[in-house]
């Protein structure tokens, strides 16, 4: 019988550095889609606060406490990262998404300029600052993007990881050449 080895979607592709920009893997230990049942939004927020010190994020927002994070990913939906979703059982539809997504971290002083070439979102800190998260297109792919201290976490479907890395690396090289 063949022995299967679990590999990251970014295995052998990252990290990359061009100029002052770095693209690395940033896979959370766990990703759970959380969709509160009708009328249970307040109960979900209360359970998240009690269990993890988080709430349910407002549109376009992300919350963090320690390693646990929750990112808004659409109307009535969020991704809970690095946290046990068990306290939300019976209050929300919970789906394990850990193996479905690849998470990349783009860092460097021009990270917002690089990413702005691929997304239709104003990523300047004044418009998309700390605590921001959005579900948007990354060139021709769907992505979830969240501002982190030193850049951006970019989540794409696992099957699109190599394509996203290629697109980001092309932009990184272009900016480095202008440097």
Protein backbone atom coordinates (compact mmCIF):
# COMPACT_ATOMS: atom_id res chain seq x y z
CA UNK A 1 0.00 0.00 0.00
CA UNK A 2 1.27 3.47 -0.86
CA UNK A 3 2.12 5.76 2.01
CA UNK A 4 0.78 9.26 1.60
CA UNK A 5 2.64 12.24 2.96
CA UNK A 6 0.72 15.42 3.79
CA UNK A 7 2.32 18.43 2.13
CA UNK A 8 1.54 22.11 2.27
CA UNK A 9 0.08 23.58 -0.91
CA UNK A 10 3.13 25.86 -0.95
CA UNK A 11 5.72 23.09 -0.46
CA UNK A 12 8.86 23.89 -2.43
CA UNK A 13 7.46 27.20 -3.69
CA UNK A 14 8.05 29.49 -0.71
CA UNK A 15 9.61 31.58 0.74
CA UNK A 16 10.46 34.10 -1.99
CA UNK A 17 12.21 37.45 -1.60
CA UNK A 18 12.54 40.10 -4.30
CA UNK A 19 13.80 43.51 -3.31
CA UNK A 20 12.30 44.41 0.06
CA UNK A 21 9.27 42.12 -0.35
CA UNK A 22 8.96 38.60 1.04
CA UNK A 23 6.26 36.04 0.30
CA UNK A 24 6.06 33.15 2.77
CA UNK A 25 3.63 30.50 3.89
CA UNK A 26 1.47 31.34 6.90
CA UNK A 27 -0.83 28.36 7.26
CA UNK A 28 -2.98 28.45 10.40
CA UNK A 29 -3.30 25.21 12.38
CA UNK A 30 -7.07 25.24 11.91
CA UNK A 31 -9.59 27.11 9.75
CA UNK A 32 -13.30 26.82 10.50
CA UNK A 33 -16.06 28.51 8.54
CA UNK A 34 -18.62 29.96 10.96
CA UNK A 35 -22.13 30.89 9.80
CA UNK A 36 -24.45 31.83 12.68
CA UNK A 37 -27.91 30.31 12.52
CA UNK A 38 -30.78 32.76 12.09
CA UNK A 39 -31.33 34.66 15.31
CA UNK A 40 -28.14 33.27 16.90
CA UNK A 41 -25.72 36.07 15.95
CA UNK A 42 -25.59 37.54 19.48
CA UNK A 43 -25.15 34.07 21.00
CA UNK A 44 -22.25 33.35 18.63
CA UNK A 45 -20.57 36.62 19.61
CA UNK A 46 -21.07 35.82 23.31
CA UNK A 47 -19.67 32.29 22.89
CA UNK A 48 -16.65 33.56 20.92
CA UNK A 49 -15.92 36.16 23.62
CA UNK A 50 -16.22 33.63 26.43
CA UNK A 51 -14.11 30.94 24.74
CA UNK A 52 -11.51 32.95 22.82
CA UNK A 53 -11.81 36.62 23.72
CA UNK A 54 -13.17 37.35 20.24
CA UNK A 55 -16.52 38.40 18.83
CA UNK A 56 -18.12 37.90 15.44
CA UNK A 57 -16.46 40.42 13.08
CA UNK A 58 -18.28 43.28 11.41
CA UNK A 59 -18.09 43.41 7.60
CA UNK A 60 -14.54 44.08 6.43
CA UNK A 61 -13.04 43.43 9.86
CA UNK A 62 -10.83 40.90 11.60
CA UNK A 63 -10.37 40.29 15.33
CA UNK A 64 -7.43 38.67 17.08
CA UNK A 65 -6.54 37.51 20.56
CA UNK A 66 -3.23 35.70 20.88
CA UNK A 67 -3.00 33.15 18.04
CA UNK A 68 -6.78 33.00 17.61
CA UNK A 69 -8.26 35.15 14.84
CA UNK A 70 -11.62 35.55 13.16
CA UNK A 71 -11.91 37.12 9.70
CA UNK A 72 -15.06 38.41 8.03
CA UNK A 73 -15.44 36.48 4.76
CA UNK A 74 -18.89 37.50 3.57
CA UNK A 75 -22.40 38.27 4.72
CA UNK A 76 -23.05 36.21 7.83
CA UNK A 77 -19.82 34.27 7.45
CA UNK A 78 -16.37 34.33 9.01
CA UNK A 79 -13.27 32.14 9.24
CA UNK A 80 -12.15 31.21 12.74
CA UNK A 81 -8.40 30.56 12.73
CA UNK A 82 -6.31 28.65 15.27
CA UNK A 83 -9.20 28.22 17.69
CA UNK A 84 -11.52 25.41 18.74
CA UNK A 85 -15.00 25.93 17.25
CA UNK A 86 -16.69 23.55 19.74
CA UNK A 87 -18.21 26.38 21.85
CA UNK A 88 -20.21 27.42 18.76
CA UNK A 89 -21.87 24.01 18.27
CA UNK A 90 -25.63 24.43 17.92
CA UNK A 91 -25.29 28.19 17.37
CA UNK A 92 -23.70 28.21 13.92
CA UNK A 93 -22.99 26.06 10.91
CA UNK A 94 -19.35 25.01 11.32
CA UNK A 95 -17.25 23.62 8.51
CA UNK A 96 -13.60 22.61 8.72
CA UNK A 97 -11.78 24.46 5.93
CA UNK A 98 -8.20 23.73 7.01
CA UNK A 99 -7.22 21.64 3.99
CA UNK A 100 -9.14 23.76 1.47
CA UNK A 101 -7.10 26.96 1.75
CA UNK A 102 -3.49 28.04 1.32
CA UNK A 103 -2.36 31.06 3.31
CA UNK A 104 0.44 33.30 2.09
CA UNK A 105 2.00 36.24 3.92
CA UNK A 106 3.29 39.18 1.88
CA UNK A 107 5.55 41.49 3.89
CA UNK A 108 7.75 44.46 3.24
CA UNK A 109 7.47 48.24 2.97
CA UNK A 110 5.77 48.11 -0.44
CA UNK A 111 3.47 45.14 0.29
CA UNK A 112 0.36 47.26 -0.20
CA UNK A 113 1.69 48.58 -3.53
CA UNK A 114 2.45 45.07 -4.76
CA UNK A 115 -0.91 43.63 -3.76
CA UNK A 116 -2.76 46.67 -5.14
CA UNK A 117 -1.69 45.59 -8.63
CA UNK A 118 -3.77 42.42 -8.27
CA UNK A 119 -6.83 43.41 -6.22
CA UNK A 120 -9.59 46.00 -6.74
CA UNK A 121 -9.29 47.28 -3.17
CA UNK A 122 -7.68 50.41 -1.67
CA UNK A 123 -5.02 48.78 0.52
CA UNK A 124 -3.42 51.96 1.84
CA UNK A 125 -3.25 51.87 5.66
CA UNK A 126 -5.76 54.74 5.95
CA UNK A 127 -8.39 52.69 4.09
CA UNK A 128 -7.36 49.11 4.94
CA UNK A 129 -5.55 49.35 8.26
CA UNK A 130 -5.07 47.10 11.24
CA UNK A 131 -8.05 44.82 11.80
CA UNK A 132 -9.19 44.86 8.17
CA UNK A 133 -10.24 41.77 6.21
CA UNK A 134 -11.97 41.38 2.87
CA UNK A 135 -13.07 38.71 0.41
CA UNK A 136 -12.16 39.88 -3.07
CA UNK A 137 -10.60 38.91 -6.36
CA UNK A 138 -6.83 38.42 -6.58
CA UNK A 139 -6.35 38.92 -10.31
CA UNK A 140 -8.62 36.09 -11.56
CA UNK A 141 -8.86 34.13 -8.28
CA UNK A 142 -11.04 34.55 -5.21
CA UNK A 143 -9.10 35.45 -2.05
CA UNK A 144 -9.52 36.48 1.56
CA UNK A 145 -7.05 39.23 2.48
CA UNK A 146 -6.32 40.45 6.01
CA UNK A 147 -3.95 43.16 7.17
CA UNK A 148 -1.31 41.89 9.61
CA UNK A 149 1.31 43.91 11.47
CA UNK A 150 3.96 43.71 8.78
CA UNK A 151 1.89 43.15 5.62
CA UNK A 152 -0.98 40.95 4.48
CA UNK A 153 -2.23 37.42 4.89
CA UNK A 154 -3.66 36.20 1.60
CA UNK A 155 -5.86 33.11 1.61
CA UNK A 156 -6.61 31.37 -1.69
CA UNK A 157 -8.12 28.01 -2.53
CA UNK A 158 -5.47 25.33 -2.15
CA UNK A 159 -5.80 24.41 -5.82
CA UNK A 160 -4.86 28.00 -6.77
CA UNK A 161 -1.81 28.34 -4.49
CA UNK A 162 0.83 27.95 -7.21
CA UNK A 163 -1.01 30.39 -9.46
CA UNK A 164 -1.32 32.96 -6.67
CA UNK A 165 2.38 32.59 -5.86
CA UNK A 166 3.26 33.08 -9.54
CA UNK A 167 1.09 36.20 -9.80
CA UNK A 168 2.52 37.70 -6.61
CA UNK A 169 6.10 36.86 -7.55
CA UNK A 170 5.67 38.57 -10.94
CA UNK A 171 4.55 41.76 -9.19
CA UNK A 172 7.35 41.47 -6.61
CA UNK A 173 9.97 41.16 -9.35
CA UNK A 174 8.50 44.13 -11.21
CA UNK A 175 8.66 46.35 -8.12
CA UNK A 176 12.19 45.17 -7.28
CA UNK A 177 13.36 46.01 -10.81
CA UNK A 178 12.16 49.58 -10.36
CA UNK A 179 13.88 49.78 -6.98
